[in-house]
Protein backbone atom coordinates (compact mmCIF):
# COMPACT_ATOMS: atom_id res chain seq x y z
CA MET A 1 218.44 20.83 -37.69
CA THR A 2 218.01 24.28 -39.45
CA ALA A 3 215.21 26.34 -38.74
CA ASN A 4 213.66 26.01 -42.20
CA GLN A 5 214.05 22.32 -42.37
CA PRO A 6 210.83 20.13 -41.93
CA GLN A 7 210.85 18.43 -38.58
CA ASP A 8 209.92 15.21 -40.29
CA THR A 9 212.87 15.10 -42.68
CA GLU A 10 216.44 14.31 -42.48
CA ALA A 11 219.29 15.47 -44.76
CA ARG A 12 221.97 13.04 -44.66
CA TYR A 13 225.44 12.91 -46.21
CA LEU A 14 225.92 9.60 -47.76
CA ARG A 15 228.47 7.98 -45.27
CA ARG A 16 229.49 4.57 -44.44
CA ASP A 17 227.13 2.93 -42.32
CA ASP A 18 226.33 -0.50 -40.75
CA PRO A 19 224.75 -2.64 -43.41
CA PRO A 20 221.01 -3.80 -43.18
CA GLU A 21 220.20 -7.12 -41.80
CA TRP A 22 219.86 -8.66 -45.28
CA LEU A 23 223.49 -7.82 -46.03
CA ARG A 24 225.02 -9.40 -42.89
CA GLY A 25 224.70 -13.05 -43.90
CA PRO A 26 227.69 -15.18 -44.89
CA GLY A 27 229.44 -15.02 -48.20
CA LEU A 28 229.92 -11.17 -48.17
CA ASP A 29 233.39 -11.00 -46.97
CA ALA A 30 234.34 -9.41 -50.22
CA GLN A 31 232.48 -6.43 -49.27
CA SER A 32 233.99 -6.07 -45.80
CA PRO A 33 235.23 -2.64 -44.90
CA PRO A 34 238.97 -1.88 -44.81
CA GLY A 35 240.94 -3.46 -42.08
CA GLY A 36 239.32 -6.93 -42.63
CA LEU A 37 236.49 -6.54 -40.21
CA PRO A 38 233.68 -8.90 -41.51
CA VAL A 39 230.51 -7.08 -42.56
CA GLN A 40 228.48 -9.41 -40.29
CA GLN A 41 229.96 -7.70 -37.29
CA GLY A 42 228.85 -4.23 -38.29
CA LEU A 43 230.99 -1.26 -37.38
CA LYS A 44 229.89 1.54 -34.99
CA LYS A 45 230.24 5.15 -35.78
CA LEU A 46 233.62 6.45 -34.51
CA PRO A 47 233.54 8.98 -31.69
CA LYS A 48 235.41 11.60 -33.79
CA HIS A 49 232.64 11.84 -36.07
CA ARG A 50 230.20 12.63 -33.38
CA SER A 51 232.29 15.26 -31.86
CA SER A 52 233.45 16.98 -35.01
CA PRO A 53 232.80 20.71 -34.89
CA HIS A 54 231.82 20.60 -38.60
CA ARG A 55 229.28 18.09 -38.14
CA LEU A 56 225.64 18.81 -39.16
CA PRO A 57 222.94 19.20 -36.60
CA PRO A 58 221.73 15.87 -34.90
CA ARG A 59 219.46 14.90 -37.59
CA LEU A 60 221.85 15.80 -40.48
CA HIS A 61 224.18 12.85 -41.36
CA VAL A 62 226.49 12.10 -44.14
CA ALA A 63 225.49 9.43 -46.64
CA THR A 64 227.51 7.46 -49.09
CA SER A 65 225.50 6.69 -52.11
CA PRO A 66 224.56 10.20 -52.61
CA ILE A 67 226.69 10.91 -49.63
CA ARG A 68 230.05 10.28 -48.22
CA PRO A 69 231.18 7.25 -46.43
CA GLU A 70 230.63 7.28 -42.61
CA ARG A 71 232.95 6.23 -39.91
CA GLY A 72 231.85 2.65 -39.68
CA LEU A 73 229.05 1.52 -42.12
CA ILE A 74 225.95 3.54 -41.23
CA ALA A 75 222.96 1.50 -40.18
CA ALA A 76 220.16 2.14 -42.67
CA ALA A 77 216.60 0.72 -42.37
CA PHE A 78 215.49 -1.03 -45.38
CA VAL A 79 211.90 -1.76 -46.29
CA LEU A 80 211.33 -4.24 -49.02
CA ALA A 81 208.01 -3.59 -50.70
CA VAL A 82 206.94 -6.29 -52.89
CA ALA A 83 203.98 -5.38 -55.27
CA ILE A 84 202.39 -8.38 -57.05
CA ALA A 85 200.17 -7.41 -59.93
CA GLY A 86 197.48 -10.08 -60.58
CA GLY A 87 197.21 -11.13 -64.29
CA SER A 88 193.78 -10.96 -65.88
CA PHE A 89 192.20 -12.70 -68.67
CA ALA A 90 188.78 -12.77 -70.32
CA LEU A 91 186.55 -15.61 -71.59
CA GLY A 92 184.25 -15.29 -74.55
CA ALA A 93 181.13 -13.39 -73.36
CA SER A 94 177.58 -14.20 -74.53
CA THR A 95 175.30 -11.69 -76.01
CA ASN A 96 171.68 -11.28 -75.10
CA ASP A 97 170.42 -13.46 -77.99
CA GLY A 98 172.61 -16.32 -76.75
CA VAL A 99 175.13 -16.08 -79.69
CA GLU A 100 178.57 -16.49 -78.34
CA SER A 101 180.99 -13.72 -79.31
CA ALA A 102 184.10 -14.48 -81.33
CA PRO A 103 187.30 -15.31 -79.17
CA PRO A 104 189.93 -12.64 -79.05
CA GLY A 105 192.46 -12.75 -81.80
CA PRO A 106 196.14 -13.32 -81.16
CA ALA A 107 197.86 -10.55 -79.21
CA GLU A 108 199.97 -8.13 -81.12
CA VAL A 109 203.73 -8.62 -80.33
CA THR A 110 205.84 -5.46 -80.24
CA PRO A 111 208.90 -6.04 -82.56
CA PRO A 112 212.20 -6.03 -81.02
CA PRO A 113 214.40 -3.02 -81.24
CA ALA A 114 216.67 -2.62 -84.15
CA VAL A 115 219.98 -4.22 -84.04
CA GLY A 116 222.68 -1.85 -82.67
CA LEU A 117 220.32 0.22 -80.54
CA GLU A 118 221.27 0.02 -76.81
CA GLU A 119 219.37 0.63 -73.45
CA PRO A 120 220.47 4.25 -72.43
CA VAL A 121 221.28 3.36 -69.00
CA ALA A 122 223.11 0.10 -70.08
CA ASP A 123 225.13 2.36 -72.52
CA VAL A 124 225.92 4.82 -69.71
CA ALA A 125 227.03 2.07 -67.53
CA ARG A 126 229.31 0.54 -70.11
CA ARG A 127 230.91 4.00 -70.77
CA LEU A 128 231.26 5.16 -67.07
CA LEU A 129 231.80 2.12 -64.98
CA PRO A 130 235.41 1.82 -65.75
CA THR A 131 235.96 5.32 -64.28
CA VAL A 132 234.13 4.96 -61.06
CA VAL A 133 235.93 3.51 -58.02
CA GLN A 134 235.29 2.57 -54.47
CA ILE A 135 237.21 4.51 -51.73
CA GLU A 136 238.00 2.71 -48.47
CA THR A 137 239.28 4.37 -45.48
CA ALA A 138 239.68 3.28 -41.76
CA THR A 139 236.32 4.97 -41.17
CA GLY A 140 234.18 3.61 -44.08
CA VAL A 141 233.38 3.22 -47.75
CA GLY A 142 232.63 5.83 -50.37
CA SER A 143 232.97 6.38 -54.09
CA GLY A 144 234.99 8.52 -56.44
CA VAL A 145 235.24 9.26 -60.24
CA VAL A 146 238.50 9.44 -62.20
CA TYR A 147 238.11 12.84 -63.63
CA ARG A 148 241.61 13.86 -64.79
CA PRO A 149 244.62 11.95 -66.24
CA GLY A 150 247.35 10.85 -63.75
CA GLY A 151 245.08 9.02 -61.39
CA LEU A 152 243.29 12.06 -60.12
CA ILE A 153 239.87 11.00 -58.54
CA LEU A 154 237.19 13.45 -57.61
CA THR A 155 235.11 12.49 -54.59
CA ALA A 156 233.10 14.08 -51.68
CA ALA A 157 235.16 15.76 -48.92
CA HIS A 158 233.28 13.83 -46.15
CA VAL A 159 234.32 10.66 -47.72
CA VAL A 160 238.07 11.32 -46.88
CA GLU A 161 237.58 13.44 -43.87
CA ASN A 162 240.42 13.29 -41.34
CA VAL A 163 242.30 10.75 -43.32
CA GLU A 164 245.52 10.90 -45.46
CA ASP A 165 245.84 7.59 -46.94
CA VAL A 166 243.08 5.56 -48.62
CA THR A 167 242.68 2.38 -50.62
CA VAL A 168 241.02 2.57 -54.06
CA ARG A 169 239.26 -0.43 -55.51
CA LEU A 170 239.10 -0.13 -59.36
CA ALA A 171 236.34 -1.22 -61.58
CA ASN A 172 238.26 -4.44 -62.39
CA GLY A 173 238.41 -5.36 -58.65
CA ARG A 174 242.11 -4.50 -58.26
CA ARG A 175 243.01 -2.35 -55.30
CA THR A 176 245.63 0.34 -55.01
CA SER A 177 246.73 3.00 -52.54
CA ALA A 178 245.87 6.67 -52.96
CA THR A 179 246.72 9.94 -51.08
CA VAL A 180 244.49 12.89 -50.46
CA VAL A 181 245.48 15.90 -52.54
CA GLY A 182 243.09 18.29 -50.89
CA ALA A 183 239.51 18.84 -49.64
CA HIS A 184 237.18 21.82 -49.69
CA GLN A 185 234.56 21.82 -46.88
CA LYS A 186 232.34 24.60 -48.19
CA THR A 187 231.54 22.59 -51.32
CA ASP A 188 232.22 19.11 -49.94
CA VAL A 189 234.58 18.46 -52.84
CA ALA A 190 237.87 16.58 -52.50
CA VAL A 191 240.55 14.99 -54.68
CA ILE A 192 242.74 11.96 -54.16
CA ARG A 193 245.45 10.69 -56.43
CA ALA A 194 245.81 6.87 -57.00
CA LYS A 195 249.17 5.14 -57.13
CA ILE A 196 248.28 3.69 -60.50
CA ARG A 197 248.24 6.60 -62.89
CA ASN A 198 247.01 5.19 -66.31
CA LEU A 199 243.33 4.93 -65.32
CA PRO A 200 240.37 5.47 -67.78
CA VAL A 201 239.03 9.14 -67.31
CA ALA A 202 235.41 10.06 -67.22
CA GLN A 203 233.98 12.57 -69.52
CA LEU A 204 232.60 15.68 -67.82
CA ALA A 205 229.48 17.59 -68.85
CA LEU A 206 231.17 20.92 -68.26
CA GLY A 207 228.99 23.92 -69.40
CA GLU A 208 226.21 21.55 -70.61
CA PRO A 209 222.73 22.68 -69.74
CA LEU A 210 220.61 20.48 -67.69
CA SER A 211 216.85 19.91 -68.10
CA VAL A 212 214.38 18.71 -65.37
CA GLY A 213 213.19 15.32 -66.32
CA GLN A 214 216.20 14.13 -68.18
CA ILE A 215 217.81 10.81 -67.51
CA ALA A 216 220.13 10.65 -64.54
CA VAL A 217 222.35 7.58 -63.81
CA ALA A 218 224.04 7.06 -60.48
CA ILE A 219 227.01 4.81 -60.13
CA GLY A 220 228.86 4.09 -56.87
CA SER A 221 229.31 1.76 -53.94
CA PRO A 222 226.07 1.92 -51.78
CA PHE A 223 226.71 0.04 -48.61
CA GLY A 224 229.99 -1.33 -50.06
CA LEU A 225 228.34 -2.80 -53.17
CA ALA A 226 230.88 -1.74 -55.70
CA ALA A 227 229.94 -0.72 -59.19
CA SER A 228 226.22 -0.42 -58.59
CA VAL A 229 224.05 1.40 -61.07
CA THR A 230 220.66 3.02 -60.54
CA SER A 231 218.71 5.44 -62.61
CA GLY A 232 215.96 8.04 -62.56
CA VAL A 233 215.52 11.62 -63.66
CA VAL A 234 216.85 15.11 -62.74
CA SER A 235 214.08 16.19 -60.41
CA ALA A 236 215.46 19.95 -60.07
CA ILE A 237 218.43 21.87 -60.89
CA GLU A 238 220.19 24.54 -58.76
CA ARG A 239 218.12 23.36 -55.91
CA PRO A 240 219.31 25.48 -52.79
CA VAL A 241 220.38 23.01 -49.99
CA THR A 242 221.69 23.85 -46.60
CA THR A 243 224.89 21.87 -45.94
CA GLU A 244 227.79 22.05 -43.43
CA GLY A 245 229.36 24.59 -45.72
CA GLY A 246 226.34 26.76 -45.97
CA ARG A 247 223.67 27.11 -48.77
CA ALA A 248 224.58 25.42 -51.94
CA PRO A 249 223.00 24.85 -55.21
CA MET A 250 222.65 21.20 -56.15
CA ILE A 251 221.20 18.81 -58.70
CA GLN A 252 218.17 16.89 -57.19
CA THR A 253 217.50 13.45 -58.39
CA ASP A 254 215.37 10.51 -57.79
CA ALA A 255 217.95 8.03 -58.93
CA PRO A 256 218.33 5.85 -55.82
CA ILE A 257 221.47 6.74 -53.96
CA ASN A 258 222.41 5.52 -50.32
CA PRO A 259 225.29 5.55 -47.89
CA GLY A 260 228.39 4.61 -49.88
CA ASN A 261 227.39 6.46 -53.00
CA SER A 262 228.91 9.69 -51.79
CA GLY A 263 231.53 10.84 -54.13
CA GLY A 264 230.24 8.69 -57.09
CA ALA A 265 228.87 9.78 -60.34
CA LEU A 266 225.69 11.23 -61.50
CA ALA A 267 225.66 11.00 -65.30
CA ASP A 268 223.43 11.97 -68.30
CA ARG A 269 222.20 9.57 -70.92
CA ASN A 270 225.49 10.30 -72.91
CA GLY A 271 227.64 8.89 -70.11
CA GLN A 272 228.96 12.41 -69.12
CA VAL A 273 229.37 13.18 -65.39
CA ILE A 274 226.94 15.98 -64.46
CA GLY A 275 227.30 15.78 -60.82
CA ILE A 276 228.93 14.16 -57.76
CA ASN A 277 226.43 12.38 -55.44
CA ASP A 278 226.42 13.94 -52.02
CA LEU A 279 223.38 14.07 -49.93
CA ILE A 280 219.95 12.44 -49.46
CA ARG A 281 216.77 13.73 -47.75
CA THR A 282 215.06 10.95 -45.81
CA THR A 283 212.78 10.12 -42.90
CA THR A 284 214.18 6.63 -42.33
CA GLY A 285 217.87 6.86 -43.09
CA ALA A 286 217.27 4.93 -46.52
CA ASN A 287 216.69 6.34 -49.81
CA ALA A 288 213.39 8.16 -50.29
CA GLY A 289 213.69 9.29 -53.85
CA ILE A 290 215.35 12.74 -52.91
CA GLY A 291 218.92 12.87 -53.51
CA PHE A 292 221.29 15.71 -54.22
CA ALA A 293 224.48 15.89 -56.32
CA ILE A 294 227.11 18.75 -56.49
CA PRO A 295 226.97 20.18 -59.93
CA ILE A 296 230.06 19.21 -61.93
CA ASP A 297 230.38 22.90 -62.94
CA VAL A 298 231.08 23.48 -59.32
CA ALA A 299 232.96 20.35 -58.41
CA ALA A 300 235.51 20.26 -61.10
CA PRO A 301 236.84 23.82 -60.80
CA VAL A 302 237.26 23.42 -57.11
CA ALA A 303 239.01 20.04 -57.72
CA ASP A 304 241.35 21.60 -60.18
CA ALA A 305 242.18 24.52 -57.64
CA LEU A 306 243.07 21.84 -55.05
CA VAL A 307 245.28 19.98 -57.35
CA LYS A 308 247.13 23.19 -58.09
CA GLY A 309 247.44 23.90 -54.49
CA LYS A 310 245.32 26.96 -54.60
CA LYS A 311 242.25 28.06 -52.61
CA PRO A 312 239.00 27.42 -54.49
CA ARG A 313 237.11 30.56 -55.29
CA LEU A 314 233.35 30.82 -55.22
CA GLY A 315 231.13 33.74 -56.44
CA PHE A 316 230.39 36.35 -53.79
CA LEU A 317 227.94 39.36 -53.76
CA GLY A 318 228.01 40.56 -50.18
CA VAL A 319 224.40 40.88 -49.33
CA VAL A 320 221.94 39.46 -46.80
CA GLY A 321 218.34 39.06 -47.68
CA SER A 322 215.15 37.08 -47.65
CA ASP A 323 212.32 36.15 -50.04
CA ALA A 324 210.28 38.96 -51.48
CA ALA A 325 207.16 39.76 -49.39
CA GLN A 326 203.66 38.45 -50.01
CA GLY A 327 204.89 35.80 -52.31
CA ALA A 328 206.24 38.18 -54.89
CA GLN A 329 209.13 37.00 -57.20
CA GLY A 330 212.57 38.02 -56.17
CA ALA A 331 215.17 38.32 -53.48
CA LEU A 332 214.66 41.18 -51.01
CA ILE A 333 217.99 42.65 -49.94
CA THR A 334 217.94 43.50 -46.18
CA GLN A 335 221.74 44.44 -45.79
CA VAL A 336 224.54 45.55 -48.11
CA ARG A 337 227.96 44.92 -46.81
CA LYS A 338 230.47 47.78 -47.13
CA GLY A 339 233.14 47.48 -49.88
CA THR A 340 231.55 44.38 -51.45
CA PRO A 341 230.61 43.83 -55.06
CA ALA A 342 227.15 44.41 -54.15
CA ALA A 343 227.84 47.92 -52.69
CA LYS A 344 230.03 48.87 -55.65
CA ALA A 345 227.32 48.00 -58.06
CA GLY A 346 224.81 50.27 -56.21
CA LEU A 347 222.61 47.71 -54.51
CA ARG A 348 220.74 49.03 -51.49
CA LYS A 349 218.74 47.87 -48.57
CA GLY A 350 215.07 47.28 -49.67
CA ASP A 351 215.94 46.51 -53.32
CA VAL A 352 214.42 43.33 -54.78
CA VAL A 353 216.61 41.46 -57.26
CA THR A 354 214.20 39.80 -59.91
CA THR A 355 216.82 38.64 -62.57
CA VAL A 356 220.57 37.75 -62.64
CA GLY A 357 222.02 37.53 -66.21
CA GLY A 358 218.61 37.48 -67.65
CA GLN A 359 217.50 34.52 -65.47
CA PRO A 360 214.49 35.03 -63.28
CA ILE A 361 215.12 34.97 -59.50
CA HIS A 362 212.23 33.67 -57.38
CA SER A 363 213.90 33.69 -53.86
CA MET A 364 216.95 34.67 -51.82
CA ALA A 365 218.05 31.04 -52.13
CA GLU A 366 218.07 31.19 -55.87
CA LEU A 367 220.15 34.55 -55.85
CA THR A 368 222.65 32.96 -53.55
CA SER A 369 222.97 29.86 -55.81
CA GLU A 370 223.28 31.90 -59.01
CA ILE A 371 226.01 33.92 -57.55
CA ARG A 372 227.98 31.08 -56.06
CA LEU A 373 227.88 29.20 -59.27
CA THR A 374 229.33 32.28 -61.17
CA ARG A 375 233.08 32.54 -61.88
CA PRO A 376 234.61 35.35 -59.75
CA GLY A 377 235.56 38.35 -61.97
CA ARG A 378 232.49 37.90 -64.24
CA LYS A 379 230.30 40.73 -64.88
CA LEU A 380 226.55 40.26 -64.35
CA MET A 381 223.37 42.39 -65.18
CA LEU A 382 220.84 42.62 -62.41
CA ASP A 383 217.34 43.62 -62.72
CA VAL A 384 216.25 45.40 -59.49
CA LEU A 385 212.91 46.75 -58.27
CA ARG A 386 213.45 49.85 -56.18
CA LYS A 387 210.43 51.95 -55.01
CA GLY A 388 208.20 50.77 -57.94
CA ARG A 389 210.96 51.33 -60.56
CA THR A 390 213.11 48.67 -62.34
CA LEU A 391 216.77 49.48 -62.45
CA HIS A 392 219.43 47.58 -64.40
CA LEU A 393 222.72 47.30 -62.25
CA THR A 394 225.99 45.65 -63.36
CA VAL A 395 227.93 43.84 -60.78
CA ARG A 396 231.32 42.22 -60.96
CA VAL A 397 231.20 39.00 -58.93
CA GLY A 398 233.60 38.77 -56.15
CA ALA A 399 235.48 35.81 -54.67
CA GLN A 400 234.62 33.96 -51.50
């Protein structure tokens, strides 16, 4: 567990886990993990996952819905809360003079929606379901999105960790083999190529601005339940989250995602993919309404680099810092590494960065996120407080 992580909270990758008790009954053979092992038996985590040098601290696990598939289906605790709302009705009341009041009139009926209008979430499902697949490996189940022609599928790196060959279950139920093209651990992004190449391709919301509160729809295979659709909203954008690869900016959502959703799609109301589901924060192992997705503006370029056989490049500044003192806005620079873009731009120890490219910066985590999301080679204007004066510095973002 990281030092700044609450002790009562777990950040889990969405990995394959043992199914809950209610999923272990008969009749679920179709949901069995690869290799034919019945779900009822439940798979245990493989030792290789426990001993991996890249594993998160003890309380940090990978999840599948918003996280990757685990080695074995991850056991998750499910609590079913059933709220029964009692109906109410009123009888005619009597006034003080003994005259009974008139009975209520007929209730107004809301007219049905106009013909041709669709439910937003249903419309997203119709558009996107054909492009979302279930990924099955010897160690678990995850999800993926066909993001480019030629059978190229975008997923989370932890879904295909330490494997070369995988099985892909298409939206129509058909299965086909696939190979891992590449994986990037720092961003937890991976690409696989399906043997069947003429697959429908998802539309990506590249360069599209996000708004807190907008509709968010998650599609994937939580606990191996293929083509599951859940919805919520975008709870936060560019939320700094500590992962195995370091600090990363992510989309936060309350759309329910669980183990098995990892690598699946998070979409907007137009059916465009805005992120790849990757992590959840939880105290129980099950969804608690706090999930995280890799922004598509990060995932797609990394995936494209992997397909081309190139090393993915992330934005790099070259500073160490902390939040500004006494609750002030900005990122306090405590160290500037020699020869880095920050040093060349004139940043110094003690500077407080307050804006990047005109966007306010409230913390060091936000500065890190902004730079990491910026294309290497691009110039950015920084507003910097130095000894009570505001300076405007131009930095050319480097590559990490």
